[in-house]
Amino acid sequence: MSPSPAVRTPQLPEDDPQPTPPVEPALEDCCGSGCVPCIFDIYEQARERYQRELEAWNARQAQRAGGKVRKVRKVRTKPAPPGAA
């Protein structure tokens, strides 16, 4: 009977800064001409990407801390401006 293979723990990067949230555009940043994608659509995509990156970062930090999970900070969203679709 052969010995079981060693279980490897994935290497975590030494420098692993917390992701930064995207900057929300001001209402006056929208030209109002119905662009596709609108600047607010681009912001929403960036916010969703940030949320995924933050959850992954929190999981790495929990792994680094030995399983203690930090609470994920949710990004607060504002309703879309009138006329934005």
PDB file of N, CA and C in Angstrom:
ATOM      1  N   MET A   1       0.840  -1.173   0.000  1.00  0.00           N
ATOM      2  CA  MET A   1       0.000   0.000   0.000  1.00  0.00           C
ATOM      3  C   MET A   1       0.890   1.241   0.000  1.00  0.00           C
ATOM      4  N   SER A   2       0.630   2.156  -0.934  1.00  0.00           N
ATOM      5  CA  SER A   2       1.467   3.347  -1.044  1.00  0.00           C
ATOM      6  C   SER A   2       0.922   4.458  -0.144  1.00  0.00           C
ATOM      7  N   PRO A   3       1.806   5.322   0.336  1.00  0.00           N
ATOM      8  CA  PRO A   3       1.347   6.424   1.197  1.00  0.00           C
ATOM      9  C   PRO A   3       0.483   7.396   0.398  1.00  0.00           C
ATOM     10  N   SER A   4      -0.447   8.037   1.080  1.00  0.00           N
ATOM     11  CA  SER A   4      -1.320   8.998   0.402  1.00  0.00           C
ATOM     12  C   SER A   4      -0.514  10.234   0.022  1.00  0.00           C
ATOM     13  N   PRO A   5      -0.862  10.841  -1.121  1.00  0.00           N
ATOM     14  CA  PRO A   5      -0.115  12.028  -1.545  1.00  0.00           C
ATOM     15  C   PRO A   5      -0.338  13.185  -0.566  1.00  0.00           C
ATOM     16  N   ALA A   6       0.665  14.023  -0.456  1.00  0.00           N
ATOM     17  CA  ALA A   6       0.570  15.179   0.443  1.00  0.00           C
ATOM     18  C   ALA A   6      -0.480  16.155  -0.085  1.00  0.00           C
ATOM     19  N   VAL A   7      -1.247  16.702   0.818  1.00  0.00           N
ATOM     20  CA  VAL A   7      -2.249  17.698   0.448  1.00  0.00           C
ATOM     21  C   VAL A   7      -1.564  19.051   0.422  1.00  0.00           C
ATOM     22  N   ARG A   8      -1.703  19.743  -0.691  1.00  0.00           N
ATOM     23  CA  ARG A   8      -1.070  21.052  -0.824  1.00  0.00           C
ATOM     24  C   ARG A   8      -2.084  22.156  -0.587  1.00  0.00           C
ATOM     25  N   THR A   9      -1.669  23.139   0.155  1.00  0.00           N
ATOM     26  CA  THR A   9      -2.485  24.323   0.376  1.00  0.00           C
ATOM     27  C   THR A   9      -2.077  25.353  -0.662  1.00  0.00           C
ATOM     28  N   PRO A  10      -3.047  25.968  -1.359  1.00  0.00           N
ATOM     29  CA  PRO A  10      -2.670  26.958  -2.364  1.00  0.00           C
ATOM     30  C   PRO A  10      -1.901  28.113  -1.732  1.00  0.00           C
ATOM     31  N   GLN A  11      -0.905  28.592  -2.457  1.00  0.00           N
ATOM     32  CA  GLN A  11      -0.109  29.712  -1.976  1.00  0.00           C
ATOM     33  C   GLN A  11      -0.923  30.998  -2.088  1.00  0.00           C
ATOM     34  N   LEU A  12      -0.950  31.761  -1.020  1.00  0.00           N
ATOM     35  CA  LEU A  12      -1.637  33.047  -1.024  1.00  0.00           C
ATOM     36  C   LEU A  12      -0.609  34.138  -1.279  1.00  0.00           C
ATOM     37  N   PRO A  13      -0.962  35.130  -2.080  1.00  0.00           N
ATOM     38  CA  PRO A  13       0.001  36.201  -2.345  1.00  0.00           C
ATOM     39  C   PRO A  13       0.335  36.961  -1.066  1.00  0.00           C
ATOM     40  N   GLU A  14       1.602  37.357  -0.951  1.00  0.00           N
ATOM     41  CA  GLU A  14       2.030  38.121   0.221  1.00  0.00           C
ATOM     42  C   GLU A  14       1.353  39.490   0.249  1.00  0.00           C
ATOM     43  N   ASP A  15       1.341  40.154  -0.898  1.00  0.00           N
ATOM     44  CA  ASP A  15       0.738  41.479  -0.998  1.00  0.00           C
ATOM     45  C   ASP A  15      -0.655  41.307  -1.598  1.00  0.00           C
ATOM     46  N   ASP A  16      -1.670  41.362  -0.772  1.00  0.00           N
ATOM     47  CA  ASP A  16      -3.045  41.115  -1.216  1.00  0.00           C
ATOM     48  C   ASP A  16      -3.940  42.233  -0.678  1.00  0.00           C
ATOM     49  N   PRO A  17      -3.858  43.432  -1.288  1.00  0.00           N
ATOM     50  CA  PRO A  17      -4.655  44.548  -0.772  1.00  0.00           C
ATOM     51  C   PRO A  17      -6.145  44.339  -1.015  1.00  0.00           C
ATOM     52  N   GLN A  18      -6.944  44.915  -0.143  1.00  0.00           N
ATOM     53  CA  GLN A  18      -8.396  44.838  -0.284  1.00  0.00           C
ATOM     54  C   GLN A  18      -8.815  45.593  -1.546  1.00  0.00           C
ATOM     55  N   PRO A  19      -9.738  45.008  -2.338  1.00  0.00           N
ATOM     56  CA  PRO A  19     -10.215  45.718  -3.530  1.00  0.00           C
ATOM     57  C   PRO A  19     -10.866  47.045  -3.145  1.00  0.00           C
ATOM     58  N   THR A  20     -10.784  47.995  -4.041  1.00  0.00           N
ATOM     59  CA  THR A  20     -11.404  49.296  -3.789  1.00  0.00           C
ATOM     60  C   THR A  20     -12.676  49.417  -4.621  1.00  0.00           C
ATOM     61  N   PRO A  21     -13.721  49.999  -4.041  1.00  0.00           N
ATOM     62  CA  PRO A  21     -14.981  50.122  -4.777  1.00  0.00           C
ATOM     63  C   PRO A  21     -14.867  51.134  -5.911  1.00  0.00           C
ATOM     64  N   PRO A  22     -15.671  50.952  -6.953  1.00  0.00           N
ATOM     65  CA  PRO A  22     -15.651  51.920  -8.051  1.00  0.00           C
ATOM     66  C   PRO A  22     -16.270  53.245  -7.600  1.00  0.00           C
ATOM     67  N   VAL A  23     -15.887  54.303  -8.266  1.00  0.00           N
ATOM     68  CA  VAL A  23     -16.432  55.629  -7.958  1.00  0.00           C
ATOM     69  C   VAL A  23     -17.749  55.786  -8.705  1.00  0.00           C
ATOM     70  N   GLU A  24     -18.795  56.107  -7.959  1.00  0.00           N
ATOM     71  CA  GLU A  24     -20.110  56.279  -8.576  1.00  0.00           C
ATOM     72  C   GLU A  24     -20.151  57.585  -9.364  1.00  0.00           C
ATOM     73  N   PRO A  25     -20.616  57.529 -10.613  1.00  0.00           N
ATOM     74  CA  PRO A  25     -20.703  58.764 -11.394  1.00  0.00           C
ATOM     75  C   PRO A  25     -21.797  59.677 -10.842  1.00  0.00           C
ATOM     76  N   ALA A  26     -21.593  60.959 -10.992  1.00  0.00           N
ATOM     77  CA  ALA A  26     -22.605  61.937 -10.582  1.00  0.00           C
ATOM     78  C   ALA A  26     -23.702  61.977 -11.638  1.00  0.00           C
ATOM     79  N   LEU A  27     -24.885  62.426 -11.253  1.00  0.00           N
ATOM     80  CA  LEU A  27     -25.998  62.511 -12.199  1.00  0.00           C
ATOM     81  C   LEU A  27     -25.630  63.330 -13.432  1.00  0.00           C
ATOM     82  N   GLU A  28     -24.865  64.401 -13.230  1.00  0.00           N
ATOM     83  CA  GLU A  28     -24.508  65.251 -14.364  1.00  0.00           C
ATOM     84  C   GLU A  28     -23.455  64.620 -15.278  1.00  0.00           C
ATOM     85  N   ASP A  29     -22.882  63.473 -14.882  1.00  0.00           N
ATOM     86  CA  ASP A  29     -21.941  62.762 -15.746  1.00  0.00           C
ATOM     87  C   ASP A  29     -22.660  62.049 -16.895  1.00  0.00           C
ATOM     88  N   CYS A  30     -23.961  61.817 -16.743  1.00  0.00           N
ATOM     89  CA  CYS A  30     -24.756  61.162 -17.784  1.00  0.00           C
ATOM     90  C   CYS A  30     -25.191  62.220 -18.797  1.00  0.00           C
ATOM     91  N   CYS A  31     -25.011  61.904 -20.088  1.00  0.00           N
ATOM     92  CA  CYS A  31     -25.379  62.875 -21.121  1.00  0.00           C
ATOM     93  C   CYS A  31     -26.877  62.859 -21.409  1.00  0.00           C
ATOM     94  N   GLY A  32     -27.582  61.807 -20.969  1.00  0.00           N
ATOM     95  CA  GLY A  32     -29.027  61.737 -21.145  1.00  0.00           C
ATOM     96  C   GLY A  32     -29.483  61.382 -22.545  1.00  0.00           C
ATOM     97  N   SER A  33     -28.563  60.951 -23.415  1.00  0.00           N
ATOM     98  CA  SER A  33     -28.956  60.656 -24.793  1.00  0.00           C
ATOM     99  C   SER A  33     -29.231  59.175 -25.038  1.00  0.00           C
ATOM    100  N   GLY A  34     -29.282  58.380 -23.982  1.00  0.00           N
ATOM    101  CA  GLY A  34     -29.613  56.963 -24.138  1.00  0.00           C
ATOM    102  C   GLY A  34     -28.465  56.112 -24.639  1.00  0.00           C
ATOM    103  N   CYS A  35     -27.246  56.461 -24.299  1.00  0.00           N
ATOM    104  CA  CYS A  35     -26.075  55.688 -24.727  1.00  0.00           C
ATOM    105  C   CYS A  35     -26.200  54.234 -24.270  1.00  0.00           C
ATOM    106  N   VAL A  36     -25.680  53.329 -25.096  1.00  0.00           N
ATOM    107  CA  VAL A  36     -25.627  51.919 -24.730  1.00  0.00           C
ATOM    108  C   VAL A  36     -24.178  51.482 -24.867  1.00  0.00           C
ATOM    109  N   PRO A  37     -23.489  51.218 -23.778  1.00  0.00           N
ATOM    110  CA  PRO A  37     -23.988  51.262 -22.410  1.00  0.00           C
ATOM    111  C   PRO A  37     -23.902  52.674 -21.836  1.00  0.00           C
ATOM    112  N   CYS A  38     -24.805  52.957 -20.936  1.00  0.00           N
ATOM    113  CA  CYS A  38     -24.811  54.230 -20.213  1.00  0.00           C
ATOM    114  C   CYS A  38     -23.700  54.187 -19.160  1.00  0.00           C
ATOM    115  N   ILE A  39     -23.231  55.334 -18.749  1.00  0.00           N
ATOM    116  CA  ILE A  39     -22.195  55.399 -17.717  1.00  0.00           C
ATOM    117  C   ILE A  39     -22.665  54.714 -16.431  1.00  0.00           C
ATOM    118  N   PHE A  40     -23.980  54.734 -16.173  1.00  0.00           N
ATOM    119  CA  PHE A  40     -24.505  54.072 -14.978  1.00  0.00           C
ATOM    120  C   PHE A  40     -24.524  52.552 -15.154  1.00  0.00           C
ATOM    121  N   ASP A  41     -24.681  52.067 -16.393  1.00  0.00           N
ATOM    122  CA  ASP A  41     -24.570  50.624 -16.656  1.00  0.00           C
ATOM    123  C   ASP A  41     -23.135  50.164 -16.402  1.00  0.00           C
ATOM    124  N   ILE A  42     -22.184  50.956 -16.867  1.00  0.00           N
ATOM    125  CA  ILE A  42     -20.771  50.624 -16.681  1.00  0.00           C
ATOM    126  C   ILE A  42     -20.437  50.615 -15.190  1.00  0.00           C
ATOM    127  N   TYR A  43     -20.957  51.593 -14.455  1.00  0.00           N
ATOM    128  CA  TYR A  43     -20.734  51.640 -13.011  1.00  0.00           C
ATOM    129  C   TYR A  43     -21.321  50.400 -12.340  1.00  0.00           C
ATOM    130  N   GLU A  44     -22.527  49.999 -12.729  1.00  0.00           N
ATOM    131  CA  GLU A  44     -23.175  48.831 -12.124  1.00  0.00           C
ATOM    132  C   GLU A  44     -22.349  47.567 -12.378  1.00  0.00           C
ATOM    133  N   GLN A  45     -21.814  47.422 -13.579  1.00  0.00           N
ATOM    134  CA  GLN A  45     -20.958  46.273 -13.887  1.00  0.00           C
ATOM    135  C   GLN A  45     -19.695  46.298 -13.028  1.00  0.00           C
ATOM    136  N   ALA A  46     -19.112  47.474 -12.871  1.00  0.00           N
ATOM    137  CA  ALA A  46     -17.909  47.613 -12.044  1.00  0.00           C
ATOM    138  C   ALA A  46     -18.224  47.315 -10.584  1.00  0.00           C
ATOM    139  N   ARG A  47     -19.397  47.730 -10.114  1.00  0.00           N
ATOM    140  CA  ARG A  47     -19.796  47.474  -8.733  1.00  0.00           C
ATOM    141  C   ARG A  47     -19.986  45.976  -8.491  1.00  0.00           C
ATOM    142  N   GLU A  48     -20.601  45.287  -9.452  1.00  0.00           N
ATOM    143  CA  GLU A  48     -20.788  43.837  -9.328  1.00  0.00           C
ATOM    144  C   GLU A  48     -19.438  43.110  -9.339  1.00  0.00           C
ATOM    145  N   ARG A  49     -18.511  43.554 -10.209  1.00  0.00           N
ATOM    146  CA  ARG A  49     -17.174  42.964 -10.260  1.00  0.00           C
ATOM    147  C   ARG A  49     -16.447  43.201  -8.934  1.00  0.00           C
ATOM    148  N   TYR A  50     -16.574  44.417  -8.397  1.00  0.00           N
ATOM    149  CA  TYR A  50     -15.965  44.738  -7.108  1.00  0.00           C
ATOM    150  C   TYR A  50     -16.511  43.824  -6.011  1.00  0.00           C
ATOM    151  N   GLN A  51     -17.821  43.595  -6.013  1.00  0.00           N
ATOM    152  CA  GLN A  51     -18.430  42.747  -4.983  1.00  0.00           C
ATOM    153  C   GLN A  51     -17.862  41.326  -5.050  1.00  0.00           C
ATOM    154  N   ARG A  52     -17.718  40.789  -6.276  1.00  0.00           N
ATOM    155  CA  ARG A  52     -17.133  39.447  -6.432  1.00  0.00           C
ATOM    156  C   ARG A  52     -15.679  39.429  -5.956  1.00  0.00           C
ATOM    157  N   GLU A  53     -14.920  40.463  -6.328  1.00  0.00           N
ATOM    158  CA  GLU A  53     -13.517  40.537  -5.913  1.00  0.00           C
ATOM    159  C   GLU A  53     -13.397  40.665  -4.399  1.00  0.00           C
ATOM    160  N   LEU A  54     -14.307  41.424  -3.783  1.00  0.00           N
ATOM    161  CA  LEU A  54     -14.285  41.594  -2.332  1.00  0.00           C
ATOM    162  C   LEU A  54     -14.605  40.280  -1.625  1.00  0.00           C
ATOM    163  N   GLU A  55     -15.579  39.537  -2.134  1.00  0.00           N
ATOM    164  CA  GLU A  55     -15.912  38.238  -1.542  1.00  0.00           C
ATOM    165  C   GLU A  55     -14.733  37.275  -1.651  1.00  0.00           C
ATOM    166  N   ALA A  56     -14.052  37.264  -2.808  1.00  0.00           N
ATOM    167  CA  ALA A  56     -12.879  36.399  -2.983  1.00  0.00           C
ATOM    168  C   ALA A  56     -11.756  36.836  -2.043  1.00  0.00           C
ATOM    169  N   TRP A  57     -11.560  38.137  -1.895  1.00  0.00           N
ATOM    170  CA  TRP A  57     -10.527  38.655  -0.997  1.00  0.00           C
ATOM    171  C   TRP A  57     -10.827  38.253   0.442  1.00  0.00           C
ATOM    172  N   ASN A  58     -12.100  38.390   0.854  1.00  0.00           N
ATOM    173  CA  ASN A  58     -12.482  37.998   2.214  1.00  0.00           C
ATOM    174  C   ASN A  58     -12.244  36.511   2.441  1.00  0.00           C
ATOM    175  N   ALA A  59     -12.509  35.685   1.438  1.00  0.00           N
ATOM    176  CA  ALA A  59     -12.266  34.245   1.566  1.00  0.00           C
ATOM    177  C   ALA A  59     -10.772  33.974   1.739  1.00  0.00           C
ATOM    178  N   ARG A  60      -9.932  34.691   0.981  1.00  0.00           N
ATOM    179  CA  ARG A  60      -8.477  34.515   1.132  1.00  0.00           C
ATOM    180  C   ARG A  60      -8.021  34.954   2.517  1.00  0.00           C
ATOM    181  N   GLN A  61      -8.589  36.051   3.011  1.00  0.00           N
ATOM    182  CA  GLN A  61      -8.210  36.525   4.341  1.00  0.00           C
ATOM    183  C   GLN A  61      -8.634  35.525   5.413  1.00  0.00           C
ATOM    184  N   ALA A  62      -9.803  34.914   5.233  1.00  0.00           N
ATOM    185  CA  ALA A  62     -10.278  33.904   6.182  1.00  0.00           C
ATOM    186  C   ALA A  62      -9.350  32.696   6.161  1.00  0.00           C
ATOM    187  N   GLN A  63      -8.925  32.298   4.969  1.00  0.00           N
ATOM    188  CA  GLN A  63      -8.005  31.166   4.852  1.00  0.00           C
ATOM    189  C   GLN A  63      -6.686  31.500   5.540  1.00  0.00           C
ATOM    190  N   ARG A  64      -6.231  32.717   5.347  1.00  0.00           N
ATOM    191  CA  ARG A  64      -4.978  33.154   5.956  1.00  0.00           C
ATOM    192  C   ARG A  64      -5.101  33.193   7.486  1.00  0.00           C
ATOM    193  N   ALA A  65      -6.299  33.534   7.997  1.00  0.00           N
ATOM    194  CA  ALA A  65      -6.522  33.646   9.443  1.00  0.00           C
ATOM    195  C   ALA A  65      -6.924  32.317  10.067  1.00  0.00           C
ATOM    196  N   GLY A  66      -6.922  31.258   9.281  1.00  0.00           N
ATOM    197  CA  GLY A  66      -7.241  29.951   9.831  1.00  0.00           C
ATOM    198  C   GLY A  66      -8.723  29.650   9.878  1.00  0.00           C
ATOM    199  N   GLY A  67      -9.493  30.215   8.960  1.00  0.00           N
ATOM    200  CA  GLY A  67     -10.904  29.872   8.865  1.00  0.00           C
ATOM    201  C   GLY A  67     -11.859  30.880   9.461  1.00  0.00           C
ATOM    202  N   LYS A  68     -11.349  31.914  10.106  1.00  0.00           N
ATOM    203  CA  LYS A  68     -12.238  32.938  10.650  1.00  0.00           C
ATOM    204  C   LYS A  68     -12.709  33.815   9.501  1.00  0.00           C
ATOM    205  N   VAL A  69     -14.011  33.853   9.286  1.00  0.00           N
ATOM    206  CA  VAL A  69     -14.567  34.582   8.153  1.00  0.00           C
ATOM    207  C   VAL A  69     -14.921  35.999   8.566  1.00  0.00           C
ATOM    208  N   ARG A  70     -14.449  36.960   7.762  1.00  0.00           N
ATOM    209  CA  ARG A  70     -14.828  38.355   7.979  1.00  0.00           C
ATOM    210  C   ARG A  70     -16.113  38.624   7.234  1.00  0.00           C
ATOM    211  N   LYS A  71     -16.913  39.501   7.776  1.00  0.00           N
ATOM    212  CA  LYS A  71     -18.169  39.847   7.134  1.00  0.00           C
ATOM    213  C   LYS A  71     -17.888  40.689   5.893  1.00  0.00           C
ATOM    214  N   VAL A  72     -18.552  40.343   4.787  1.00  0.00           N
ATOM    215  CA  VAL A  72     -18.385  41.069   3.535  1.00  0.00           C
ATOM    216  C   VAL A  72     -19.192  42.353   3.604  1.00  0.00           C
ATOM    217  N   ARG A  73     -18.522  43.448   3.296  1.00  0.00           N
ATOM    218  CA  ARG A  73     -19.185  44.747   3.303  1.00  0.00           C
ATOM    219  C   ARG A  73     -19.870  44.940   1.957  1.00  0.00           C
ATOM    220  N   LYS A  74     -21.174  45.115   1.975  1.00  0.00           N
ATOM    221  CA  LYS A  74     -21.938  45.299   0.741  1.00  0.00           C
ATOM    222  C   LYS A  74     -21.856  46.752   0.299  1.00  0.00           C
ATOM    223  N   VAL A  75     -21.868  46.933  -1.009  1.00  0.00           N
ATOM    224  CA  VAL A  75     -21.871  48.273  -1.574  1.00  0.00           C
ATOM    225  C   VAL A  75     -23.317  48.724  -1.689  1.00  0.00           C
ATOM    226  N   ARG A  76     -23.593  49.892  -1.159  1.00  0.00           N
ATOM    227  CA  ARG A  76     -24.948  50.422  -1.226  1.00  0.00           C
ATOM    228  C   ARG A  76     -25.190  50.996  -2.613  1.00  0.00           C
ATOM    229  N   THR A  77     -26.334  50.677  -3.165  1.00  0.00           N
ATOM    230  CA  THR A  77     -26.654  51.197  -4.492  1.00  0.00           C
ATOM    231  C   THR A  77     -27.734  52.259  -4.380  1.00  0.00           C
ATOM    232  N   LYS A  78     -27.700  53.164  -5.318  1.00  0.00           N
ATOM    233  CA  LYS A  78     -28.721  54.202  -5.399  1.00  0.00           C
ATOM    234  C   LYS A  78     -29.598  53.881  -6.596  1.00  0.00           C
ATOM    235  N   PRO A  79     -30.853  54.288  -6.571  1.00  0.00           N
ATOM    236  CA  PRO A  79     -31.703  54.042  -7.732  1.00  0.00           C
ATOM    237  C   PRO A  79     -31.166  54.780  -8.955  1.00  0.00           C
ATOM    238  N   ALA A  80     -31.444  54.222 -10.126  1.00  0.00           N
ATOM    239  CA  ALA A  80     -30.996  54.834 -11.374  1.00  0.00           C
ATOM    240  C   ALA A  80     -31.668  56.192 -11.545  1.00  0.00           C
ATOM    241  N   PRO A  81     -30.965  57.127 -12.175  1.00  0.00           N
ATOM    242  CA  PRO A  81     -31.555  58.445 -12.388  1.00  0.00           C
ATOM    243  C   PRO A  81     -32.734  58.356 -13.350  1.00  0.00           C
ATOM    244  N   PRO A  82     -33.650  59.301 -13.276  1.00  0.00           N
ATOM    245  CA  PRO A  82     -34.796  59.284 -14.185  1.00  0.00           C
ATOM    246  C   PRO A  82     -34.329  59.290 -15.638  1.00  0.00           C
ATOM    247  N   GLY A  83     -34.955  58.456 -16.440  1.00  0.00           N
ATOM    248  CA  GLY A  83     -34.629  58.393 -17.861  1.00  0.00           C
ATOM    249  C   GLY A  83     -33.497  57.444 -18.186  1.00  0.00           C
ATOM    250  N   ALA A  84     -32.799  56.923 -17.174  1.00  0.00           N
ATOM    251  CA  ALA A  84     -31.720  55.964 -17.435  1.00  0.00           C
ATOM    252  C   ALA A  84     -32.330  54.583 -17.567  1.00  0.00           C
ATOM    253  N   ALA A  85     -31.973  53.900 -18.624  1.00  0.00           N
ATOM    254  CA  ALA A  85     -32.519  52.556 -18.833  1.00  0.00           C
ATOM    255  C   ALA A  85     -31.426  51.556 -18.980  1.00  0.00           C
TER     256      ALA A  85
END
